[in-house]
């Protein structure tokens, strides 16, 4: 390569998850209603594509419509949580299936997985002191 590296990355602006056509109300129920994330207004020129956007902490999560949708069963975003046990209890009470994963417990990380209404895998994790 002859081009010098005169660029840099500043972080992640948003995460895009796919969902089937007609997903908007189920997405609103789960991401806003259950998780408590704020819905964001989509730009007018993108509204016709369907889907819905949410704010999670300092990041945005975009739920985009995909024809012939197949859920992401392995690839997933991981969201940092304060009070992971409280979130686990809350989700369980809301009828959400929580899958614990202690594989990284030796690294001071606790985590679990859930699936969104469309089958996409989501990880919730917390760093802890050993």
N, C-alpha and C. Protein backbone atom coordinates (compact mmCIF):
# COMPACT_ATOMS: atom_id res chain seq x y z
N UNK A 1 0.84 -1.18 0.00
CA UNK A 1 0.00 0.00 0.00
C UNK A 1 0.89 1.24 0.00
N UNK A 2 0.56 2.16 -0.84
CA UNK A 2 1.36 3.37 -0.93
C UNK A 2 0.69 4.58 -0.28
N UNK A 3 -0.59 4.46 0.03
CA UNK A 3 -1.30 5.58 0.65
C UNK A 3 -1.01 5.61 2.14
N UNK A 4 -0.65 6.77 2.66
CA UNK A 4 -0.38 6.87 4.09
C UNK A 4 -1.70 6.90 4.86
N UNK A 5 -1.63 6.50 6.10
CA UNK A 5 -2.82 6.46 6.96
C UNK A 5 -3.04 7.84 7.56
N UNK A 6 -3.86 8.62 6.91
CA UNK A 6 -4.15 9.97 7.40
C UNK A 6 -5.56 10.06 7.98
N UNK A 7 -6.17 8.93 8.27
CA UNK A 7 -7.52 8.89 8.82
C UNK A 7 -7.49 8.21 10.17
N UNK A 8 -8.57 8.36 10.91
CA UNK A 8 -8.71 7.65 12.18
C UNK A 8 -10.20 7.37 12.41
N UNK A 9 -10.46 6.43 13.28
CA UNK A 9 -11.84 6.06 13.61
C UNK A 9 -12.21 6.71 14.94
N UNK A 10 -13.43 7.18 15.02
CA UNK A 10 -13.87 7.88 16.23
C UNK A 10 -14.82 7.09 17.10
N UNK A 11 -15.17 5.88 16.70
CA UNK A 11 -16.09 5.08 17.49
C UNK A 11 -17.23 4.56 16.64
N UNK A 12 -18.27 4.14 17.31
CA UNK A 12 -19.45 3.59 16.64
C UNK A 12 -20.59 4.60 16.74
N UNK A 13 -21.21 4.90 15.63
CA UNK A 13 -22.36 5.81 15.61
C UNK A 13 -23.64 5.05 15.92
N UNK A 14 -23.85 3.90 15.28
CA UNK A 14 -25.06 3.13 15.51
C UNK A 14 -24.83 1.66 15.18
N UNK A 15 -25.74 0.86 15.68
CA UNK A 15 -25.77 -0.58 15.40
C UNK A 15 -27.05 -0.82 14.62
N UNK A 16 -26.96 -1.57 13.54
CA UNK A 16 -28.14 -1.91 12.74
C UNK A 16 -28.48 -3.38 12.95
N UNK A 17 -29.71 -3.64 13.32
CA UNK A 17 -30.23 -5.00 13.40
C UNK A 17 -31.36 -5.12 12.39
N UNK A 18 -31.44 -6.25 11.74
CA UNK A 18 -32.47 -6.47 10.73
C UNK A 18 -33.71 -7.09 11.37
N UNK A 19 -34.84 -6.86 10.72
CA UNK A 19 -36.12 -7.41 11.16
C UNK A 19 -37.02 -7.56 9.93
N UNK A 20 -38.06 -8.37 10.04
CA UNK A 20 -38.93 -8.58 8.88
C UNK A 20 -39.84 -7.39 8.62
N UNK A 21 -40.39 -7.31 7.42
CA UNK A 21 -41.37 -6.25 7.13
C UNK A 21 -42.51 -6.28 8.15
N UNK A 22 -42.98 -5.10 8.53
CA UNK A 22 -44.07 -5.01 9.50
C UNK A 22 -43.63 -5.12 10.94
N UNK A 23 -42.34 -4.97 11.20
CA UNK A 23 -41.75 -5.19 12.52
C UNK A 23 -41.91 -4.05 13.51
N UNK A 24 -42.34 -2.90 13.05
CA UNK A 24 -42.22 -1.68 13.85
C UNK A 24 -42.91 -1.74 15.21
N UNK A 25 -44.14 -2.21 15.27
CA UNK A 25 -44.84 -2.22 16.56
C UNK A 25 -44.21 -3.21 17.54
N UNK A 26 -43.80 -4.38 17.07
CA UNK A 26 -43.13 -5.33 17.95
C UNK A 26 -41.79 -4.78 18.42
N UNK A 27 -41.09 -4.07 17.55
CA UNK A 27 -39.82 -3.45 17.93
C UNK A 27 -40.05 -2.37 18.98
N UNK A 28 -41.07 -1.56 18.80
CA UNK A 28 -41.39 -0.52 19.79
C UNK A 28 -41.73 -1.14 21.14
N UNK A 29 -42.52 -2.20 21.11
CA UNK A 29 -42.90 -2.86 22.36
C UNK A 29 -41.67 -3.37 23.10
N UNK A 30 -40.76 -4.04 22.39
CA UNK A 30 -39.60 -4.63 23.05
C UNK A 30 -38.55 -3.59 23.42
N UNK A 31 -38.09 -2.83 22.44
CA UNK A 31 -36.96 -1.92 22.68
C UNK A 31 -37.35 -0.70 23.51
N UNK A 32 -38.53 -0.13 23.28
CA UNK A 32 -38.97 1.02 24.08
C UNK A 32 -39.76 0.57 25.31
N UNK A 33 -40.74 -0.31 25.08
CA UNK A 33 -41.61 -0.73 26.17
C UNK A 33 -40.93 -1.58 27.22
N UNK A 34 -40.18 -2.59 26.80
CA UNK A 34 -39.53 -3.49 27.75
C UNK A 34 -38.17 -2.94 28.19
N UNK A 35 -37.31 -2.62 27.23
CA UNK A 35 -35.96 -2.17 27.59
C UNK A 35 -35.91 -0.71 28.03
N UNK A 36 -36.91 0.08 27.65
CA UNK A 36 -36.94 1.47 28.08
C UNK A 36 -36.11 2.42 27.25
N UNK A 37 -35.70 2.00 26.06
CA UNK A 37 -34.92 2.88 25.19
C UNK A 37 -35.85 3.89 24.53
N UNK A 38 -35.32 5.06 24.25
CA UNK A 38 -36.11 6.12 23.62
C UNK A 38 -36.15 5.92 22.11
N UNK A 39 -37.33 6.08 21.54
CA UNK A 39 -37.43 6.02 20.08
C UNK A 39 -36.93 7.34 19.49
N UNK A 40 -36.20 7.24 18.41
CA UNK A 40 -35.67 8.41 17.70
C UNK A 40 -36.46 8.63 16.42
N UNK A 41 -36.59 9.87 16.03
CA UNK A 41 -37.23 10.19 14.75
C UNK A 41 -36.27 9.85 13.62
N UNK A 42 -36.75 9.09 12.66
CA UNK A 42 -35.94 8.77 11.48
C UNK A 42 -36.00 9.94 10.50
N UNK A 43 -34.93 10.16 9.77
CA UNK A 43 -34.99 11.19 8.72
C UNK A 43 -36.13 10.88 7.74
N UNK A 44 -36.79 11.92 7.27
CA UNK A 44 -37.95 11.76 6.39
C UNK A 44 -37.64 10.86 5.20
N UNK A 45 -36.48 11.05 4.59
CA UNK A 45 -36.14 10.27 3.40
C UNK A 45 -35.93 8.78 3.70
N UNK A 46 -35.75 8.41 4.98
CA UNK A 46 -35.57 7.00 5.34
C UNK A 46 -36.85 6.37 5.89
N UNK A 47 -37.83 7.15 6.23
CA UNK A 47 -39.06 6.61 6.82
C UNK A 47 -39.77 5.63 5.91
N UNK A 48 -39.71 5.86 4.60
CA UNK A 48 -40.41 4.98 3.66
C UNK A 48 -39.83 3.57 3.62
N UNK A 49 -38.61 3.40 4.14
CA UNK A 49 -37.98 2.08 4.17
C UNK A 49 -38.49 1.21 5.32
N UNK A 50 -39.22 1.82 6.25
CA UNK A 50 -39.70 1.09 7.41
C UNK A 50 -38.63 1.00 8.48
N UNK A 51 -38.93 0.24 9.51
CA UNK A 51 -37.99 0.11 10.63
C UNK A 51 -38.18 1.23 11.63
N UNK A 52 -37.38 1.18 12.68
CA UNK A 52 -37.49 2.15 13.77
C UNK A 52 -36.13 2.27 14.45
N UNK A 53 -35.83 3.46 14.96
CA UNK A 53 -34.54 3.72 15.60
C UNK A 53 -34.73 4.01 17.09
N UNK A 54 -33.71 3.62 17.89
CA UNK A 54 -33.75 3.82 19.33
C UNK A 54 -32.42 4.36 19.84
N UNK A 55 -32.48 5.02 21.00
CA UNK A 55 -31.28 5.50 21.68
C UNK A 55 -31.03 4.59 22.88
N UNK A 56 -29.82 4.06 22.98
CA UNK A 56 -29.40 3.22 24.11
C UNK A 56 -28.11 3.83 24.65
N UNK A 57 -28.19 4.54 25.75
CA UNK A 57 -27.01 5.23 26.27
C UNK A 57 -26.52 6.23 25.24
N UNK A 58 -25.24 6.13 24.89
CA UNK A 58 -24.67 7.06 23.91
C UNK A 58 -24.70 6.52 22.49
N UNK A 59 -25.34 5.38 22.29
CA UNK A 59 -25.39 4.76 20.97
C UNK A 59 -26.82 4.63 20.46
N UNK A 60 -26.94 4.58 19.16
CA UNK A 60 -28.23 4.34 18.54
C UNK A 60 -28.31 2.89 18.07
N UNK A 61 -29.50 2.34 18.15
CA UNK A 61 -29.78 1.00 17.61
C UNK A 61 -30.86 1.19 16.56
N UNK A 62 -30.54 0.83 15.33
CA UNK A 62 -31.48 0.96 14.21
C UNK A 62 -32.04 -0.42 13.88
N UNK A 63 -33.34 -0.54 13.88
CA UNK A 63 -34.00 -1.77 13.46
C UNK A 63 -34.44 -1.52 12.02
N UNK A 64 -33.81 -2.22 11.09
CA UNK A 64 -34.08 -2.01 9.68
C UNK A 64 -34.83 -3.18 9.07
N UNK A 65 -35.72 -2.87 8.16
CA UNK A 65 -36.51 -3.90 7.49
C UNK A 65 -35.67 -4.59 6.43
N UNK A 66 -35.71 -5.92 6.46
CA UNK A 66 -35.00 -6.73 5.47
C UNK A 66 -35.98 -7.73 4.87
N UNK A 67 -36.16 -7.66 3.58
CA UNK A 67 -36.98 -8.67 2.90
C UNK A 67 -36.27 -10.02 3.05
N UNK A 68 -37.01 -11.09 3.14
CA UNK A 68 -36.44 -12.44 3.31
C UNK A 68 -35.54 -12.47 4.55
N UNK A 69 -36.02 -11.90 5.63
CA UNK A 69 -35.28 -11.77 6.88
C UNK A 69 -34.91 -13.11 7.48
N UNK A 70 -33.69 -13.21 7.98
CA UNK A 70 -33.20 -14.34 8.77
C UNK A 70 -32.54 -13.74 10.01
N UNK A 71 -32.92 -14.15 11.22
CA UNK A 71 -32.36 -13.54 12.42
C UNK A 71 -30.87 -13.84 12.59
N UNK A 72 -30.18 -12.92 13.26
CA UNK A 72 -28.77 -13.12 13.60
C UNK A 72 -28.71 -13.94 14.88
N UNK A 73 -28.39 -15.22 14.75
CA UNK A 73 -28.38 -16.12 15.89
C UNK A 73 -27.04 -16.13 16.61
N UNK A 74 -25.96 -15.83 15.93
CA UNK A 74 -24.63 -15.82 16.53
C UNK A 74 -24.08 -14.39 16.61
N UNK A 75 -24.04 -13.69 15.50
CA UNK A 75 -23.56 -12.30 15.51
C UNK A 75 -24.50 -11.47 16.37
N UNK A 76 -23.93 -10.58 17.20
CA UNK A 76 -24.78 -9.83 18.12
C UNK A 76 -24.05 -8.61 18.67
N UNK A 77 -24.80 -7.59 19.06
CA UNK A 77 -24.21 -6.49 19.82
C UNK A 77 -24.20 -6.87 21.30
N UNK A 78 -23.28 -6.28 22.05
CA UNK A 78 -23.21 -6.47 23.50
C UNK A 78 -23.39 -5.11 24.16
N UNK A 79 -24.33 -5.01 25.07
CA UNK A 79 -24.66 -3.76 25.73
C UNK A 79 -24.18 -3.80 27.17
N UNK A 80 -23.43 -2.78 27.58
CA UNK A 80 -22.97 -2.67 28.96
C UNK A 80 -24.13 -2.25 29.85
N UNK A 81 -24.24 -2.91 31.00
CA UNK A 81 -25.35 -2.67 31.92
C UNK A 81 -24.80 -2.46 33.32
N UNK A 82 -25.37 -1.53 34.04
CA UNK A 82 -25.14 -1.42 35.48
C UNK A 82 -26.26 -2.20 36.15
N UNK A 83 -25.91 -3.04 37.12
CA UNK A 83 -26.89 -3.86 37.84
C UNK A 83 -27.50 -4.93 36.93
N UNK A 84 -26.63 -5.79 36.42
CA UNK A 84 -27.05 -6.86 35.52
C UNK A 84 -28.10 -7.77 36.15
N UNK A 85 -27.95 -8.07 37.44
CA UNK A 85 -28.93 -8.94 38.10
C UNK A 85 -30.32 -8.32 38.11
N UNK A 86 -30.38 -7.01 38.30
CA UNK A 86 -31.68 -6.32 38.28
C UNK A 86 -32.30 -6.41 36.89
N UNK A 87 -31.49 -6.24 35.85
CA UNK A 87 -32.01 -6.38 34.48
C UNK A 87 -32.49 -7.80 34.23
N UNK A 88 -31.72 -8.79 34.68
CA UNK A 88 -32.12 -10.19 34.50
C UNK A 88 -33.49 -10.43 35.15
N UNK A 89 -33.66 -9.99 36.38
CA UNK A 89 -34.94 -10.18 37.08
C UNK A 89 -36.07 -9.47 36.35
N UNK A 90 -35.82 -8.25 35.92
CA UNK A 90 -36.83 -7.46 35.21
C UNK A 90 -37.26 -8.16 33.93
N UNK A 91 -36.29 -8.62 33.14
CA UNK A 91 -36.61 -9.29 31.88
C UNK A 91 -37.35 -10.60 32.12
N UNK A 92 -36.92 -11.35 33.13
CA UNK A 92 -37.58 -12.61 33.45
C UNK A 92 -39.04 -12.36 33.84
N UNK A 93 -39.27 -11.34 34.67
CA UNK A 93 -40.64 -10.99 35.05
C UNK A 93 -41.47 -10.54 33.85
N UNK A 94 -40.81 -9.97 32.84
CA UNK A 94 -41.51 -9.53 31.63
C UNK A 94 -41.74 -10.68 30.65
N UNK A 95 -41.31 -11.89 31.03
CA UNK A 95 -41.53 -13.05 30.18
C UNK A 95 -40.47 -13.26 29.12
N UNK A 96 -39.34 -12.58 29.25
CA UNK A 96 -38.24 -12.72 28.29
C UNK A 96 -37.34 -13.86 28.74
N UNK A 97 -37.02 -14.78 27.83
CA UNK A 97 -36.13 -15.89 28.13
C UNK A 97 -34.69 -15.40 28.21
N UNK A 98 -34.07 -15.58 29.37
CA UNK A 98 -32.69 -15.15 29.62
C UNK A 98 -31.78 -16.37 29.60
N UNK A 99 -30.71 -16.30 28.81
CA UNK A 99 -29.75 -17.40 28.70
C UNK A 99 -28.44 -16.94 29.33
N UNK A 100 -28.10 -17.50 30.49
CA UNK A 100 -26.86 -17.14 31.18
C UNK A 100 -25.66 -17.73 30.47
N UNK A 101 -24.54 -17.02 30.59
CA UNK A 101 -23.28 -17.49 30.00
C UNK A 101 -22.15 -17.07 30.92
N UNK A 102 -21.59 -18.03 31.64
CA UNK A 102 -20.51 -17.76 32.58
C UNK A 102 -19.13 -18.02 31.99
N UNK A 103 -19.03 -18.15 30.68
CA UNK A 103 -17.77 -18.52 30.05
C UNK A 103 -16.66 -17.52 30.32
N UNK A 104 -16.99 -16.25 30.54
CA UNK A 104 -15.95 -15.24 30.76
C UNK A 104 -15.90 -14.76 32.21
N UNK A 105 -16.47 -15.52 33.14
CA UNK A 105 -16.52 -15.07 34.53
C UNK A 105 -15.14 -14.89 35.13
N UNK A 106 -14.14 -15.63 34.67
CA UNK A 106 -12.77 -15.47 35.17
C UNK A 106 -12.17 -14.15 34.73
N UNK A 107 -12.76 -13.50 33.74
CA UNK A 107 -12.26 -12.22 33.23
C UNK A 107 -12.99 -11.03 33.84
N UNK A 108 -13.68 -11.23 34.94
CA UNK A 108 -14.44 -10.17 35.61
C UNK A 108 -15.60 -9.67 34.76
N UNK A 109 -16.17 -10.53 33.96
CA UNK A 109 -17.31 -10.17 33.12
C UNK A 109 -18.45 -11.14 33.40
N UNK A 110 -19.62 -10.58 33.65
CA UNK A 110 -20.83 -11.40 33.75
C UNK A 110 -21.72 -10.99 32.59
N UNK A 111 -22.45 -11.96 32.04
CA UNK A 111 -23.26 -11.65 30.88
C UNK A 111 -24.40 -12.64 30.72
N UNK A 112 -25.37 -12.24 29.93
CA UNK A 112 -26.42 -13.15 29.50
C UNK A 112 -26.93 -12.68 28.16
N UNK A 113 -27.70 -13.56 27.53
CA UNK A 113 -28.25 -13.28 26.20
C UNK A 113 -29.77 -13.33 26.25
N UNK A 114 -30.38 -12.57 25.37
CA UNK A 114 -31.81 -12.68 25.09
C UNK A 114 -31.99 -12.59 23.58
N UNK A 115 -33.16 -12.92 23.13
CA UNK A 115 -33.51 -12.72 21.72
C UNK A 115 -34.56 -11.63 21.64
N UNK A 116 -34.43 -10.78 20.64
CA UNK A 116 -35.47 -9.77 20.42
C UNK A 116 -36.68 -10.47 19.80
N UNK A 117 -37.78 -9.78 19.56
CA UNK A 117 -38.98 -10.45 19.03
C UNK A 117 -38.77 -11.11 17.67
N UNK A 118 -37.66 -10.79 17.01
CA UNK A 118 -37.40 -11.30 15.66
C UNK A 118 -36.36 -12.40 15.66
N UNK A 119 -35.84 -12.77 16.85
CA UNK A 119 -34.86 -13.83 16.96
C UNK A 119 -33.42 -13.37 16.93
N UNK A 120 -33.17 -12.07 16.86
CA UNK A 120 -31.80 -11.56 16.90
C UNK A 120 -31.24 -11.70 18.31
N UNK A 121 -30.00 -12.13 18.41
CA UNK A 121 -29.34 -12.32 19.69
C UNK A 121 -28.82 -10.99 20.22
N UNK A 122 -29.07 -10.71 21.50
CA UNK A 122 -28.57 -9.53 22.18
C UNK A 122 -27.83 -9.97 23.43
N UNK A 123 -26.66 -9.41 23.66
CA UNK A 123 -25.90 -9.70 24.87
C UNK A 123 -25.97 -8.50 25.80
N UNK A 124 -26.15 -8.78 27.09
CA UNK A 124 -26.08 -7.75 28.13
C UNK A 124 -24.98 -8.17 29.08
N UNK A 125 -24.06 -7.24 29.38
CA UNK A 125 -22.89 -7.62 30.17
C UNK A 125 -22.54 -6.54 31.18
N UNK A 126 -21.81 -6.98 32.22
CA UNK A 126 -21.36 -6.07 33.26
C UNK A 126 -19.97 -6.49 33.70
N UNK A 127 -19.08 -5.51 33.84
CA UNK A 127 -17.76 -5.76 34.40
C UNK A 127 -17.88 -5.74 35.92
N UNK A 128 -17.23 -6.70 36.57
CA UNK A 128 -17.29 -6.79 38.03
C UNK A 128 -15.89 -6.91 38.59
N UNK A 129 -15.74 -6.58 39.85
CA UNK A 129 -14.45 -6.75 40.53
C UNK A 129 -14.38 -8.17 41.09
N UNK A 130 -13.24 -8.81 40.90
CA UNK A 130 -13.06 -10.16 41.44
C UNK A 130 -12.52 -10.11 42.85
